[in-house]
Structures are given as C-alpha cells and as structure tokens.
Amino acid sequence: MFSKVNTLMIGWGPHATRTYSKFFLKYKFEPKIVVDLDSQKERVQAELKGFGFKTDVVTIPDSEKDLEVLSSNTRKMFDELCSKYEITHVIVASEPKAHYAYMDYFVEKEVHMLVEKPIVAPSKFYTLEDAAKVKDEYYSILNRQNPKYQCKVMCQRKMNRGYMLVLELAREIVRAYNIPITKVYVSHCDGNWIMPHDLFYENHPYKYGYGKLFHSGYHFIDLFSDIVKINSELSKCKSQYKIDKKIQN
C-alpha cells in the first residue's frame, strides 16, 4: 500500500458528479485539488461543497481546453500544485480530446494516473490520418511510462456483474473442452435516443465526430479483449492465431 495518497483530479463534469462523487463518499476519500476551466469554477465549487468535500479548486483559461500541449503557464501552475500538495496520483476526467495534453505532462512527473476512457481522442475524427494520430499518442505515452508508476484506463463496466458472468461462463467452457473462442458477436442496445440537440452537448462525443466507438462502444472493445485473453489458458497449439504483422502495425 502507498504510505500516502495525494490526488489531483482534472475535470469535474457530469461523469464525476454522477460516479466519482459516490466512490469518494463511500470510501471517505477526496482529491486534494480539482482543476477545471475558468467558466466552470463556481459550479465545481458549489458541487464539491454540496458533497461535503473540502477540495481546493484551481482553474485554467477556457481557451486552453483543446490544446494538445499545455501552455508554459499551465505547466508552471501544475509544477507548483504538485509540489505544494505532494501529488502522488492524478485522475484525468476531462473531455477526452484534452486527455493527451495532461497525460503528456504527468507521464514525465512520474505519478500514478487513472484516465477516463477513451484514453485519447482527436479534436476531429474523420480520416485514417485522424485514427493514426490516436495510435501515435497512445504509444507516445506508453513508451515514456516508468513501469513503477501505473497508468490505467477507467472502463467501469469491466466490473459489471453481467460482464463478469459472461467471462466466467466462457472461461469454464474453454477449460472444460479445451477449445478456443473463435467468434464474438456483440449487440448494443442501452443508452438513450440521440436527438439533434444532443449533438451540441460538450460532454457528448458525437459533437466532435468520435462517436460510438469512443463512447459506450468502448466498453465492448474492452470486453472483447478480456474474452480473447481466455484463449491464452489453452495449450500453445490452440491458444491463439497468428495475426498478420501488417495488421498489427
């Protein structure tokens, strides 16, 4: 266990209000400081106070919300915050297109990071070049990460009882019959109807063109990866298929 946990949280939006607040209250934990946009300061302060948190709130200019690299002023501010509060952990819960700028900074600070899914997202997502940019940013973080400091992606449905039951049954069948899983079919039917006005919500990915796969569909990619891992429990001759290196690259 860590001798101390001093957490800095970036972004206190609808998801944090709905999800993180419950976690913090349940485990009697709260971040030392929350960083959000100037325009959100009063709302964030009011919500944190409403939950009974004594968390400090610091803001950055709204003009910096979409920057791919933090400004020198913002980096200096984070340097001071990390020193003052002796930050050991960071939660990145901002709008996804801002994730990379924060991760790019904190991976060098060598602190533990928990990042909301999707790990990164481009400001526009319409071409293969845009998709390649997501891959490049992912590996940029991965290749610079100190193994001693964890960087985890929060995909909360991983602990959903339905998902866990699917994995348990799949694992039992694979072990019992020594056969690999060769096909996975997923049908998604939860959520709400998306109306025209929803496209203008800042916290909805459809506004920026990186819709379904980077929103609720992300959970099924995560589930698929866990299902595929079950095959590794089989003998080598049956465990995995050889994937064309061209596809991997």
Protein backbone atom coordinates (compact mmCIF):
# COMPACT_ATOMS: atom_id res chain seq x y z
CA MET A 1 0.00 0.00 0.00
CA PHE A 2 1.03 3.60 -0.53
CA SER A 3 2.18 5.49 2.56
CA LYS A 4 0.24 8.49 1.33
CA VAL A 5 -2.20 9.22 -1.48
CA ASN A 6 -2.49 12.83 -2.54
CA THR A 7 -4.69 13.07 -5.61
CA LEU A 8 -5.11 15.81 -8.17
CA MET A 9 -8.25 15.49 -10.31
CA ILE A 10 -8.59 17.13 -13.72
CA GLY A 11 -12.19 17.79 -14.72
CA TRP A 12 -15.33 17.73 -12.61
CA GLY A 13 -18.14 17.28 -15.11
CA PRO A 14 -21.34 15.21 -15.27
CA HIS A 15 -19.48 11.90 -15.03
CA ALA A 16 -17.53 12.95 -11.93
CA THR A 17 -20.71 14.29 -10.31
CA ARG A 18 -22.58 11.06 -11.00
CA THR A 19 -19.84 8.47 -10.49
CA TYR A 20 -16.72 9.68 -8.71
CA SER A 21 -18.65 11.50 -6.01
CA LYS A 22 -20.28 8.22 -4.93
CA PHE A 23 -16.91 6.49 -4.82
CA PHE A 24 -15.33 9.27 -2.81
CA LEU A 25 -18.21 9.35 -0.33
CA LYS A 26 -18.29 5.57 0.04
CA TYR A 27 -14.58 5.28 0.81
CA LYS A 28 -14.32 8.59 2.68
CA PHE A 29 -11.78 9.89 0.22
CA GLU A 30 -11.48 13.12 -1.71
CA PRO A 31 -8.89 14.65 -4.04
CA LYS A 32 -6.62 17.33 -2.67
CA ILE A 33 -7.41 19.56 -5.61
CA VAL A 34 -9.65 19.70 -8.69
CA VAL A 35 -8.57 21.52 -11.84
CA ASP A 36 -11.22 22.71 -14.29
CA LEU A 37 -11.95 25.59 -16.67
CA ASP A 38 -12.43 29.19 -15.56
CA SER A 39 -16.05 29.12 -16.73
CA GLN A 40 -16.79 26.10 -14.52
CA LYS A 41 -15.26 27.32 -11.27
CA GLU A 42 -18.44 28.39 -9.46
CA ARG A 43 -20.32 25.25 -10.49
CA VAL A 44 -17.49 22.95 -9.45
CA GLN A 45 -17.02 24.71 -6.11
CA ALA A 46 -20.75 24.51 -5.38
CA GLU A 47 -20.97 20.80 -6.25
CA LEU A 48 -17.92 19.85 -4.20
CA LYS A 49 -19.25 21.84 -1.25
CA GLY A 50 -22.63 20.13 -1.67
CA PHE A 51 -20.96 16.75 -1.25
CA GLY A 52 -19.13 17.97 1.82
CA PHE A 53 -15.70 17.89 0.19
CA LYS A 54 -13.04 20.38 1.24
CA THR A 55 -11.20 20.01 -2.04
CA ASP A 56 -9.47 23.10 -3.41
CA VAL A 57 -10.41 24.25 -6.93
CA VAL A 58 -7.96 25.77 -9.42
CA THR A 59 -8.87 26.75 -12.97
CA ILE A 60 -7.23 27.28 -16.33
CA PRO A 61 -8.41 29.56 -19.19
CA ASP A 62 -11.21 28.19 -21.36
CA SER A 63 -9.03 29.00 -24.37
CA GLU A 64 -6.71 26.13 -23.36
CA LYS A 65 -9.32 23.38 -23.15
CA ASP A 66 -8.44 21.88 -26.56
CA LEU A 67 -4.67 22.37 -26.61
CA GLU A 68 -2.63 19.28 -27.47
CA VAL A 69 0.26 20.59 -25.36
CA LEU A 70 -0.18 22.53 -22.13
CA SER A 71 0.91 26.15 -22.20
CA SER A 72 4.01 27.18 -20.25
CA ASN A 73 1.81 29.00 -17.72
CA THR A 74 -0.35 25.92 -17.12
CA ARG A 75 2.69 23.66 -16.83
CA LYS A 76 4.18 26.04 -14.27
CA MET A 77 0.88 26.00 -12.37
CA PHE A 78 0.88 22.19 -12.28
CA ASP A 79 4.53 22.19 -11.15
CA GLU A 80 3.55 24.38 -8.21
CA LEU A 81 0.45 22.31 -7.38
CA CYS A 82 2.35 19.01 -7.48
CA SER A 83 4.98 20.44 -5.15
CA LYS A 84 2.58 22.16 -2.76
CA TYR A 85 0.19 19.21 -2.40
CA GLU A 86 2.85 16.49 -2.82
CA ILE A 87 0.75 14.88 -5.54
CA THR A 88 1.17 11.10 -5.93
CA HIS A 89 -1.86 10.29 -8.09
CA VAL A 90 -3.78 12.01 -10.89
CA ILE A 91 -7.28 11.35 -12.22
CA VAL A 92 -7.82 12.66 -15.76
CA ALA A 93 -11.58 13.07 -16.21
CA SER A 94 -11.66 16.00 -18.61
CA GLU A 95 -13.29 15.98 -22.05
CA PRO A 96 -11.43 13.20 -23.96
CA LYS A 97 -9.86 15.45 -26.57
CA ALA A 98 -7.91 17.13 -23.76
CA HIS A 99 -6.60 13.89 -22.25
CA TYR A 100 -3.35 13.73 -24.18
CA ALA A 101 -2.13 17.19 -23.14
CA TYR A 102 -2.49 16.29 -19.46
CA MET A 103 -1.08 12.79 -19.83
CA ASP A 104 1.84 14.16 -21.82
CA TYR A 105 2.71 16.35 -18.84
CA PHE A 106 2.07 13.93 -15.98
CA VAL A 107 3.83 10.92 -17.51
CA GLU A 108 7.03 12.96 -17.10
CA LYS A 109 6.13 13.81 -13.48
CA GLU A 110 6.11 10.08 -12.67
CA VAL A 111 2.85 9.88 -10.76
CA HIS A 112 0.17 7.21 -10.95
CA MET A 113 -2.58 8.08 -13.43
CA LEU A 114 -6.17 6.96 -13.83
CA VAL A 115 -7.59 8.14 -17.15
CA GLU A 116 -11.22 8.01 -18.18
CA LYS A 117 -11.94 6.12 -21.38
CA PRO A 118 -11.18 6.76 -24.15
CA ILE A 119 -7.52 7.20 -23.28
CA VAL A 120 -7.11 9.85 -26.00
CA ALA A 121 -9.32 11.34 -28.70
CA PRO A 122 -8.56 13.75 -31.54
CA SER A 123 -10.27 17.11 -31.86
CA LYS A 124 -11.61 15.79 -35.17
CA PHE A 125 -12.05 12.19 -36.23
CA TYR A 126 -12.95 11.84 -39.89
CA THR A 127 -9.96 10.30 -41.69
CA LEU A 128 -7.44 7.47 -41.41
CA GLU A 129 -4.84 10.09 -40.50
CA ASP A 130 -7.00 11.11 -37.54
CA ALA A 131 -7.16 7.48 -36.44
CA ALA A 132 -3.40 7.10 -36.82
CA LYS A 133 -2.96 10.11 -34.54
CA VAL A 134 -4.80 8.26 -31.76
CA LYS A 135 -2.39 5.35 -32.13
CA ASP A 136 0.65 7.65 -32.11
CA GLU A 137 -0.49 9.44 -28.96
CA TYR A 138 -1.18 6.14 -27.21
CA TYR A 139 2.30 4.80 -27.93
CA SER A 140 3.85 8.15 -27.04
CA ILE A 141 2.51 7.74 -23.51
CA LEU A 142 3.19 4.01 -23.32
CA ASN A 143 6.82 4.28 -24.44
CA ARG A 144 7.63 7.03 -21.93
CA GLN A 145 5.89 5.48 -18.95
CA ASN A 146 8.01 4.45 -15.99
CA PRO A 147 6.87 0.88 -15.12
CA LYS A 148 6.93 1.84 -11.44
CA TYR A 149 4.05 4.25 -12.00
CA GLN A 150 0.79 2.81 -13.21
CA CYS A 151 -1.30 4.42 -15.92
CA LYS A 152 -4.72 2.79 -16.05
CA VAL A 153 -7.74 3.43 -18.24
CA MET A 154 -11.03 3.59 -16.35
CA CYS A 155 -13.56 1.33 -18.04
CA GLN A 156 -16.07 0.88 -15.24
CA ARG A 157 -18.31 -1.70 -16.90
CA LYS A 158 -15.46 -4.18 -16.55
CA MET A 159 -16.86 -4.87 -13.09
CA ASN A 160 -20.47 -5.10 -14.25
CA ARG A 161 -21.99 -8.35 -12.97
CA GLY A 162 -23.31 -9.22 -16.42
CA TYR A 163 -19.86 -8.85 -17.97
CA MET A 164 -18.27 -10.86 -15.19
CA LEU A 165 -20.81 -13.66 -15.70
CA VAL A 166 -20.07 -13.79 -19.44
CA LEU A 167 -16.34 -14.09 -18.76
CA GLU A 168 -16.86 -16.71 -16.06
CA LEU A 169 -19.02 -18.91 -18.31
CA ALA A 170 -16.67 -18.51 -21.27
CA ARG A 171 -13.68 -19.45 -19.12
CA GLU A 172 -15.46 -22.55 -17.76
CA ILE A 173 -16.33 -23.79 -21.26
CA VAL A 174 -12.83 -23.16 -22.67
CA ARG A 175 -11.24 -25.03 -19.77
CA ALA A 176 -13.72 -27.90 -19.79
CA TYR A 177 -13.50 -28.65 -23.51
CA ASN A 178 -10.03 -27.29 -24.30
CA ILE A 179 -11.28 -25.32 -27.28
CA PRO A 180 -10.60 -21.67 -28.08
CA ILE A 181 -13.13 -18.92 -28.57
CA THR A 182 -13.18 -18.24 -32.32
CA LYS A 183 -16.06 -15.79 -32.74
CA VAL A 184 -17.55 -12.98 -30.69
CA TYR A 185 -20.79 -11.19 -31.53
CA VAL A 186 -21.87 -8.09 -29.62
CA SER A 187 -25.21 -6.32 -29.83
CA HIS A 188 -25.56 -2.98 -28.07
CA CYS A 189 -28.98 -1.67 -27.05
CA ASP A 190 -28.69 0.51 -23.96
CA GLY A 191 -28.49 4.27 -23.63
CA ASN A 192 -30.85 6.94 -24.92
CA TRP A 193 -32.19 8.15 -28.21
CA ILE A 194 -29.84 10.76 -29.65
CA MET A 195 -31.79 13.85 -30.70
CA PRO A 196 -30.43 16.77 -32.77
CA HIS A 197 -29.90 18.99 -29.74
CA ASP A 198 -27.72 16.30 -28.11
CA LEU A 199 -25.05 16.90 -30.74
CA PHE A 200 -24.28 20.26 -29.16
CA TYR A 201 -23.58 18.95 -25.65
CA GLU A 202 -19.95 19.46 -24.70
CA ASN A 203 -19.84 16.14 -22.86
CA HIS A 204 -21.15 14.08 -25.78
CA PRO A 205 -18.56 12.72 -28.25
CA TYR A 206 -20.88 12.96 -31.25
CA LYS A 207 -20.25 16.71 -31.22
CA TYR A 208 -16.66 16.13 -32.31
CA GLY A 209 -17.08 13.19 -34.65
CA TYR A 210 -15.58 10.44 -32.49
CA GLY A 211 -18.94 8.91 -31.60
CA LYS A 212 -19.99 5.38 -30.79
CA LEU A 213 -16.68 3.54 -30.62
CA PHE A 214 -15.17 6.13 -28.29
CA HIS A 215 -18.33 6.35 -26.17
CA SER A 216 -20.40 3.36 -24.99
CA GLY A 217 -18.94 1.09 -27.69
CA TYR A 218 -15.57 1.38 -25.95
CA HIS A 219 -16.83 -0.99 -23.26
CA PHE A 220 -17.32 -3.76 -25.79
CA ILE A 221 -13.79 -3.44 -27.13
CA ASP A 222 -12.66 -3.80 -23.53
CA LEU A 223 -14.92 -6.84 -23.02
CA PHE A 224 -13.64 -8.39 -26.27
CA SER A 225 -10.02 -8.05 -25.12
CA ASP A 226 -10.85 -9.86 -21.86
CA ILE A 227 -12.62 -12.64 -23.77
CA VAL A 228 -9.67 -13.14 -26.12
CA LYS A 229 -7.29 -13.40 -23.15
CA ILE A 230 -9.15 -16.54 -22.04
CA ASN A 231 -7.68 -18.39 -25.03
CA SER A 232 -4.19 -17.92 -23.60
CA GLU A 233 -5.03 -20.51 -20.94
CA LEU A 234 -5.04 -23.23 -23.60
CA SER A 235 -2.02 -25.13 -24.89
CA LYS A 236 0.05 -23.29 -27.48
CA CYS A 237 -1.36 -25.25 -30.39
CA LYS A 238 -4.84 -23.98 -29.61
CA SER A 239 -4.34 -20.74 -27.75
CA GLN A 240 -4.02 -18.05 -30.42
CA TYR A 241 -3.99 -17.49 -34.13
CA LYS A 242 -1.07 -15.96 -35.94
CA ILE A 243 -2.03 -12.41 -36.83
CA ASP A 244 -0.51 -10.83 -39.89
CA LYS A 245 2.16 -8.38 -38.73
CA LYS A 246 0.82 -5.92 -41.25
CA ILE A 247 -2.43 -5.80 -39.32
CA GLN A 248 -0.60 -5.36 -36.02
CA ASN A 249 1.34 -2.44 -37.41
